[in-house]
């Protein structure tokens, strides 16, 4: 990888969405779908969650409700007791992953963290995928988002790795989260792929 190329994100897959529970919304919170006007609050939330990336209302509109494969009903908004946007997650029919649903833009406001809200919004999006006939889902994220990665592990997602570099990155993540047992299958998978390439 050259210095000019962005680092590949980590990838995870849930192989069986049928095993997931329905989201349980905490008392005082409200879960709903996208509504016109949400772009301003979402710009603030996504800007906080994905800094230093800059989000504006215009970028939200270009990226979410009008993006191919995303519908207003596939964008989930969690409102806090005061009516502020506490969290969000989107179910995307990503053309890069035609056989899977794609969990996208999962974010929780710092003012509402520690209440398991990432799980709530993720389950809402995953249930939407399930209702549309999806059996599996994938997500891409970054190595340093350990809290989010732990959430995805608890939701049944497992690491995907296609080379030794990815295995090593996952080994570091799993060590930090106390989930070292997840790396064994990855190493076996990459080893098998390597042997097939040499034939």
C-alpha atoms as a PDB file:
ATOM      1  CA  UNK A   1       0.000   0.000   0.000  1.00  0.00           C
ATOM      2  CA  UNK A   2       1.437   3.367  -0.985  1.00  0.00           C
ATOM      3  CA  UNK A   3       1.380   6.361   1.355  1.00  0.00           C
ATOM      4  CA  UNK A   4      -1.224   8.034  -0.870  1.00  0.00           C
ATOM      5  CA  UNK A   5      -3.687   5.144  -0.649  1.00  0.00           C
ATOM      6  CA  UNK A   6      -6.200   5.153   2.219  1.00  0.00           C
ATOM      7  CA  UNK A   7      -5.892   2.285   4.637  1.00  0.00           C
ATOM      8  CA  UNK A   8      -8.391  -0.471   4.027  1.00  0.00           C
ATOM      9  CA  UNK A   9     -11.119  -0.685   6.617  1.00  0.00           C
ATOM     10  CA  UNK A  10     -11.722  -3.793   8.661  1.00  0.00           C
ATOM     11  CA  UNK A  11     -14.625  -5.910   7.460  1.00  0.00           C
ATOM     12  CA  UNK A  12     -17.040  -8.082   9.437  1.00  0.00           C
ATOM     13  CA  UNK A  13     -19.979 -10.291   8.524  1.00  0.00           C
ATOM     14  CA  UNK A  14     -23.009 -11.613  10.373  1.00  0.00           C
ATOM     15  CA  UNK A  15     -23.836 -14.925   8.697  1.00  0.00           C
ATOM     16  CA  UNK A  16     -27.320 -15.406  10.130  1.00  0.00           C
ATOM     17  CA  UNK A  17     -29.576 -12.407  10.774  1.00  0.00           C
ATOM     18  CA  UNK A  18     -32.428 -14.690  11.830  1.00  0.00           C
ATOM     19  CA  UNK A  19     -30.747 -15.175  15.215  1.00  0.00           C
ATOM     20  CA  UNK A  20     -30.829 -11.492  16.172  1.00  0.00           C
ATOM     21  CA  UNK A  21     -33.386 -10.091  18.643  1.00  0.00           C
ATOM     22  CA  UNK A  22     -35.610  -7.110  17.989  1.00  0.00           C
ATOM     23  CA  UNK A  23     -34.255  -3.756  19.229  1.00  0.00           C
ATOM     24  CA  UNK A  24     -35.317  -2.732  22.722  1.00  0.00           C
ATOM     25  CA  UNK A  25     -35.644   1.046  22.896  1.00  0.00           C
ATOM     26  CA  UNK A  26     -34.820   2.468  26.357  1.00  0.00           C
ATOM     27  CA  UNK A  27     -37.470   4.385  28.240  1.00  0.00           C
ATOM     28  CA  UNK A  28     -37.609   8.014  27.174  1.00  0.00           C
ATOM     29  CA  UNK A  29     -36.081   7.357  23.744  1.00  0.00           C
ATOM     30  CA  UNK A  30     -37.920   7.206  20.424  1.00  0.00           C
ATOM     31  CA  UNK A  31     -36.870   5.193  17.367  1.00  0.00           C
ATOM     32  CA  UNK A  32     -38.128   6.341  13.980  1.00  0.00           C
ATOM     33  CA  UNK A  33     -37.128   6.591  10.337  1.00  0.00           C
ATOM     34  CA  UNK A  34     -35.647   9.507   8.415  1.00  0.00           C
ATOM     35  CA  UNK A  35     -37.761  12.644   8.111  1.00  0.00           C
ATOM     36  CA  UNK A  36     -37.178  15.782   6.075  1.00  0.00           C
ATOM     37  CA  UNK A  37     -35.167  18.212   8.174  1.00  0.00           C
ATOM     38  CA  UNK A  38     -33.084  15.525   9.939  1.00  0.00           C
ATOM     39  CA  UNK A  39     -30.068  16.462   7.843  1.00  0.00           C
ATOM     40  CA  UNK A  40     -29.014  19.325  10.143  1.00  0.00           C
ATOM     41  CA  UNK A  41     -28.916  17.249  13.329  1.00  0.00           C
ATOM     42  CA  UNK A  42     -27.382  14.272  11.530  1.00  0.00           C
ATOM     43  CA  UNK A  43     -24.597  16.457  10.163  1.00  0.00           C
ATOM     44  CA  UNK A  44     -23.670  17.336  13.732  1.00  0.00           C
ATOM     45  CA  UNK A  45     -23.852  13.717  14.919  1.00  0.00           C
ATOM     46  CA  UNK A  46     -21.886  12.251  12.003  1.00  0.00           C
ATOM     47  CA  UNK A  47     -19.325  15.041  12.205  1.00  0.00           C
ATOM     48  CA  UNK A  48     -18.750  14.185  15.867  1.00  0.00           C
ATOM     49  CA  UNK A  49     -18.665  10.429  15.328  1.00  0.00           C
ATOM     50  CA  UNK A  50     -16.470  10.400  12.228  1.00  0.00           C
ATOM     51  CA  UNK A  51     -14.133  13.337  12.869  1.00  0.00           C
ATOM     52  CA  UNK A  52     -12.042  14.705  11.255  1.00  0.00           C
ATOM     53  CA  UNK A  53     -14.417  14.091   8.353  1.00  0.00           C
ATOM     54  CA  UNK A  54     -16.529  17.236   7.846  1.00  0.00           C
ATOM     55  CA  UNK A  55     -20.293  16.794   7.563  1.00  0.00           C
ATOM     56  CA  UNK A  56     -22.793  19.418   6.439  1.00  0.00           C
ATOM     57  CA  UNK A  57     -26.535  19.184   5.902  1.00  0.00           C
ATOM     58  CA  UNK A  58     -25.855  19.151   2.166  1.00  0.00           C
ATOM     59  CA  UNK A  59     -23.460  16.236   2.474  1.00  0.00           C
ATOM     60  CA  UNK A  60     -25.976  14.272   4.530  1.00  0.00           C
ATOM     61  CA  UNK A  61     -28.612  14.746   1.826  1.00  0.00           C
ATOM     62  CA  UNK A  62     -26.172  13.664  -0.882  1.00  0.00           C
ATOM     63  CA  UNK A  63     -24.937  10.655   1.091  1.00  0.00           C
ATOM     64  CA  UNK A  64     -28.022   9.227   2.765  1.00  0.00           C
ATOM     65  CA  UNK A  65     -31.622   9.631   1.576  1.00  0.00           C
ATOM     66  CA  UNK A  66     -30.745  10.190  -2.070  1.00  0.00           C
ATOM     67  CA  UNK A  67     -28.008   7.561  -2.326  1.00  0.00           C
ATOM     68  CA  UNK A  68     -28.727   4.544  -4.544  1.00  0.00           C
ATOM     69  CA  UNK A  69     -29.660   1.589  -2.357  1.00  0.00           C
ATOM     70  CA  UNK A  70     -30.742   3.724   0.620  1.00  0.00           C
ATOM     71  CA  UNK A  71     -34.372   4.642   1.335  1.00  0.00           C
ATOM     72  CA  UNK A  72     -35.855   6.933   3.931  1.00  0.00           C
ATOM     73  CA  UNK A  73     -37.287   3.878   5.693  1.00  0.00           C
ATOM     74  CA  UNK A  74     -33.830   2.264   5.869  1.00  0.00           C
ATOM     75  CA  UNK A  75     -32.353   5.190   7.841  1.00  0.00           C
ATOM     76  CA  UNK A  76     -33.028   4.874  11.568  1.00  0.00           C
ATOM     77  CA  UNK A  77     -32.968   7.817  13.953  1.00  0.00           C
ATOM     78  CA  UNK A  78     -32.983   7.472  17.741  1.00  0.00           C
ATOM     79  CA  UNK A  79     -34.245  10.552  19.573  1.00  0.00           C
ATOM     80  CA  UNK A  80     -33.269  11.269  23.159  1.00  0.00           C
ATOM     81  CA  UNK A  81     -35.653  12.285  25.953  1.00  0.00           C
ATOM     82  CA  UNK A  82     -35.188  15.939  24.992  1.00  0.00           C
ATOM     83  CA  UNK A  83     -35.883  15.304  21.311  1.00  0.00           C
ATOM     84  CA  UNK A  84     -32.252  15.552  20.208  1.00  0.00           C
ATOM     85  CA  UNK A  85     -30.766  12.995  17.816  1.00  0.00           C
ATOM     86  CA  UNK A  86     -29.004  10.459  20.041  1.00  0.00           C
ATOM     87  CA  UNK A  87     -28.056   7.845  17.459  1.00  0.00           C
ATOM     88  CA  UNK A  88     -28.439   6.592  13.933  1.00  0.00           C
ATOM     89  CA  UNK A  89     -27.787   3.597  11.688  1.00  0.00           C
ATOM     90  CA  UNK A  90     -28.572   2.877   8.049  1.00  0.00           C
ATOM     91  CA  UNK A  91     -29.312  -0.302   6.116  1.00  0.00           C
ATOM     92  CA  UNK A  92     -27.779  -0.029   2.655  1.00  0.00           C
ATOM     93  CA  UNK A  93     -28.104  -2.239  -0.435  1.00  0.00           C
ATOM     94  CA  UNK A  94     -24.452  -1.681  -1.266  1.00  0.00           C
ATOM     95  CA  UNK A  95     -23.687  -2.857  -4.828  1.00  0.00           C
ATOM     96  CA  UNK A  96     -20.215  -3.951  -3.657  1.00  0.00           C
ATOM     97  CA  UNK A  97     -21.918  -6.584  -1.490  1.00  0.00           C
ATOM     98  CA  UNK A  98     -24.878  -7.842  -3.575  1.00  0.00           C
ATOM     99  CA  UNK A  99     -25.476 -10.907  -1.400  1.00  0.00           C
ATOM    100  CA  UNK A 100     -25.439  -9.034   1.899  1.00  0.00           C
ATOM    101  CA  UNK A 101     -27.128  -6.176   3.657  1.00  0.00           C
ATOM    102  CA  UNK A 102     -24.678  -3.420   4.593  1.00  0.00           C
ATOM    103  CA  UNK A 103     -24.755  -1.767   8.011  1.00  0.00           C
ATOM    104  CA  UNK A 104     -23.742   1.832   7.463  1.00  0.00           C
ATOM    105  CA  UNK A 105     -23.103   5.062   9.391  1.00  0.00           C
ATOM    106  CA  UNK A 106     -23.687   3.750  12.898  1.00  0.00           C
ATOM    107  CA  UNK A 107     -23.199   6.656  15.300  1.00  0.00           C
ATOM    108  CA  UNK A 108     -24.182   7.618  18.843  1.00  0.00           C
ATOM    109  CA  UNK A 109     -23.878  11.082  20.354  1.00  0.00           C
ATOM    110  CA  UNK A 110     -21.273  11.425  23.093  1.00  0.00           C
ATOM    111  CA  UNK A 111     -24.023  12.851  25.316  1.00  0.00           C
ATOM    112  CA  UNK A 112     -25.857   9.512  25.149  1.00  0.00           C
ATOM    113  CA  UNK A 113     -23.062   6.957  25.194  1.00  0.00           C
ATOM    114  CA  UNK A 114     -22.942   4.186  27.766  1.00  0.00           C
ATOM    115  CA  UNK A 115     -26.599   3.246  27.265  1.00  0.00           C
ATOM    116  CA  UNK A 116     -26.130   0.500  24.659  1.00  0.00           C
ATOM    117  CA  UNK A 117     -27.695   2.728  21.999  1.00  0.00           C
ATOM    118  CA  UNK A 118     -25.294   1.575  19.282  1.00  0.00           C
ATOM    119  CA  UNK A 119     -26.804  -1.879  19.679  1.00  0.00           C
ATOM    120  CA  UNK A 120     -30.328  -0.466  19.482  1.00  0.00           C
ATOM    121  CA  UNK A 121     -29.862   1.425  16.227  1.00  0.00           C
ATOM    122  CA  UNK A 122     -27.805  -1.388  14.695  1.00  0.00           C
ATOM    123  CA  UNK A 123     -30.498  -3.944  15.504  1.00  0.00           C
ATOM    124  CA  UNK A 124     -33.129  -1.671  13.948  1.00  0.00           C
ATOM    125  CA  UNK A 125     -31.182  -1.517  10.688  1.00  0.00           C
ATOM    126  CA  UNK A 126     -30.396  -5.234  10.747  1.00  0.00           C
ATOM    127  CA  UNK A 127     -34.033  -6.104  11.362  1.00  0.00           C
ATOM    128  CA  UNK A 128     -34.967  -3.975   8.356  1.00  0.00           C
ATOM    129  CA  UNK A 129     -32.531  -5.984   6.234  1.00  0.00           C
ATOM    130  CA  UNK A 130     -34.027  -9.199   7.580  1.00  0.00           C
ATOM    131  CA  UNK A 131     -37.556  -8.031   6.733  1.00  0.00           C
ATOM    132  CA  UNK A 132     -36.420  -7.526   3.132  1.00  0.00           C
ATOM    133  CA  UNK A 133     -35.111 -11.059   2.852  1.00  0.00           C
ATOM    134  CA  UNK A 134     -31.469 -10.517   3.682  1.00  0.00           C
ATOM    135  CA  UNK A 135     -29.857 -13.420   5.500  1.00  0.00           C
ATOM    136  CA  UNK A 136     -26.435 -11.887   6.062  1.00  0.00           C
ATOM    137  CA  UNK A 137     -24.946  -8.457   6.693  1.00  0.00           C
ATOM    138  CA  UNK A 138     -21.519  -6.841   6.495  1.00  0.00           C
ATOM    139  CA  UNK A 139     -19.957  -3.752   7.991  1.00  0.00           C
ATOM    140  CA  UNK A 140     -16.680  -1.923   7.397  1.00  0.00           C
ATOM    141  CA  UNK A 141     -15.026   0.046  10.176  1.00  0.00           C
ATOM    142  CA  UNK A 142     -11.690   1.198  11.577  1.00  0.00           C
ATOM    143  CA  UNK A 143      -9.211  -0.501  13.885  1.00  0.00           C
ATOM    144  CA  UNK A 144      -9.374   2.222  16.538  1.00  0.00           C
ATOM    145  CA  UNK A 145     -13.165   2.074  16.992  1.00  0.00           C
ATOM    146  CA  UNK A 146     -12.894  -0.546  19.712  1.00  0.00           C
ATOM    147  CA  UNK A 147     -16.235   0.190  21.393  1.00  0.00           C
ATOM    148  CA  UNK A 148     -18.038  -0.143  18.066  1.00  0.00           C
ATOM    149  CA  UNK A 149     -16.135  -3.324  17.217  1.00  0.00           C
ATOM    150  CA  UNK A 150     -17.143  -4.860  20.543  1.00  0.00           C
ATOM    151  CA  UNK A 151     -20.773  -4.000  19.760  1.00  0.00           C
ATOM    152  CA  UNK A 152     -20.529  -5.753  16.392  1.00  0.00           C
ATOM    153  CA  UNK A 153     -18.963  -8.820  17.989  1.00  0.00           C
ATOM    154  CA  UNK A 154     -21.862  -8.977  20.439  1.00  0.00           C
ATOM    155  CA  UNK A 155     -24.266  -8.708  17.506  1.00  0.00           C
ATOM    156  CA  UNK A 156     -22.797 -11.851  15.977  1.00  0.00           C
ATOM    157  CA  UNK A 157     -20.426 -10.273  13.451  1.00  0.00           C
ATOM    158  CA  UNK A 158     -17.133 -12.067  12.831  1.00  0.00           C
ATOM    159  CA  UNK A 159     -13.946 -10.757  11.179  1.00  0.00           C
ATOM    160  CA  UNK A 160     -13.241 -11.123   7.456  1.00  0.00           C
ATOM    161  CA  UNK A 161      -9.611 -11.326   6.351  1.00  0.00           C
ATOM    162  CA  UNK A 162      -8.156 -12.110   2.926  1.00  0.00           C
ATOM    163  CA  UNK A 163      -4.445 -11.670   3.597  1.00  0.00           C
ATOM    164  CA  UNK A 164      -1.817 -11.798   6.322  1.00  0.00           C
ATOM    165  CA  UNK A 165      -1.896  -8.043   6.894  1.00  0.00           C
ATOM    166  CA  UNK A 166      -5.597  -8.161   7.740  1.00  0.00           C
ATOM    167  CA  UNK A 167      -5.051 -11.122  10.059  1.00  0.00           C
ATOM    168  CA  UNK A 168      -2.369  -9.171  11.915  1.00  0.00           C
ATOM    169  CA  UNK A 169      -4.617  -6.125  12.249  1.00  0.00           C
ATOM    170  CA  UNK A 170      -7.445  -8.280  13.538  1.00  0.00           C
ATOM    171  CA  UNK A 171      -5.071  -9.982  15.966  1.00  0.00           C
ATOM    172  CA  UNK A 172      -4.274  -6.573  17.491  1.00  0.00           C
ATOM    173  CA  UNK A 173      -7.960  -5.654  17.727  1.00  0.00           C
ATOM    174  CA  UNK A 174      -8.963  -8.997  19.241  1.00  0.00           C
ATOM    175  CA  UNK A 175      -6.124  -8.796  21.762  1.00  0.00           C
ATOM    176  CA  UNK A 176      -7.285  -5.323  22.831  1.00  0.00           C
ATOM    177  CA  UNK A 177     -10.853  -6.606  23.267  1.00  0.00           C
ATOM    178  CA  UNK A 178      -9.919  -9.905  24.916  1.00  0.00           C
ATOM    179  CA  UNK A 179     -11.244 -11.893  21.934  1.00  0.00           C
ATOM    180  CA  UNK A 180      -8.072 -13.645  20.795  1.00  0.00           C
ATOM    181  CA  UNK A 181     -10.034 -16.806  19.944  1.00  0.00           C
ATOM    182  CA  UNK A 182     -11.533 -15.033  16.907  1.00  0.00           C
ATOM    183  CA  UNK A 183      -8.159 -14.931  15.071  1.00  0.00           C
ATOM    184  CA  UNK A 184      -7.592 -18.686  14.719  1.00  0.00           C
ATOM    185  CA  UNK A 185     -10.238 -19.226  12.017  1.00  0.00           C
ATOM    186  CA  UNK A 186      -8.928 -16.158  10.148  1.00  0.00           C
ATOM    187  CA  UNK A 187      -5.407 -17.561   9.946  1.00  0.00           C
ATOM    188  CA  UNK A 188      -6.725 -20.920   8.710  1.00  0.00           C
ATOM    189  CA  UNK A 189      -8.843 -19.193   6.047  1.00  0.00           C
ATOM    190  CA  UNK A 190      -5.951 -17.067   4.740  1.00  0.00           C
ATOM    191  CA  UNK A 191      -3.657 -20.110   4.730  1.00  0.00           C
ATOM    192  CA  UNK A 192      -6.162 -22.067   2.615  1.00  0.00           C
ATOM    193  CA  UNK A 193      -6.528 -19.133   0.180  1.00  0.00           C
ATOM    194  CA  UNK A 194      -2.737 -18.927  -0.137  1.00  0.00           C
ATOM    195  CA  UNK A 195      -2.440 -22.643  -0.915  1.00  0.00           C
ATOM    196  CA  UNK A 196      -5.179 -22.377  -3.575  1.00  0.00           C
ATOM    197  CA  UNK A 197      -3.330 -19.490  -5.276  1.00  0.00           C
ATOM    198  CA  UNK A 198      -0.121 -21.567  -5.460  1.00  0.00           C
ATOM    199  CA  UNK A 199      -1.812 -24.467  -7.267  1.00  0.00           C
END
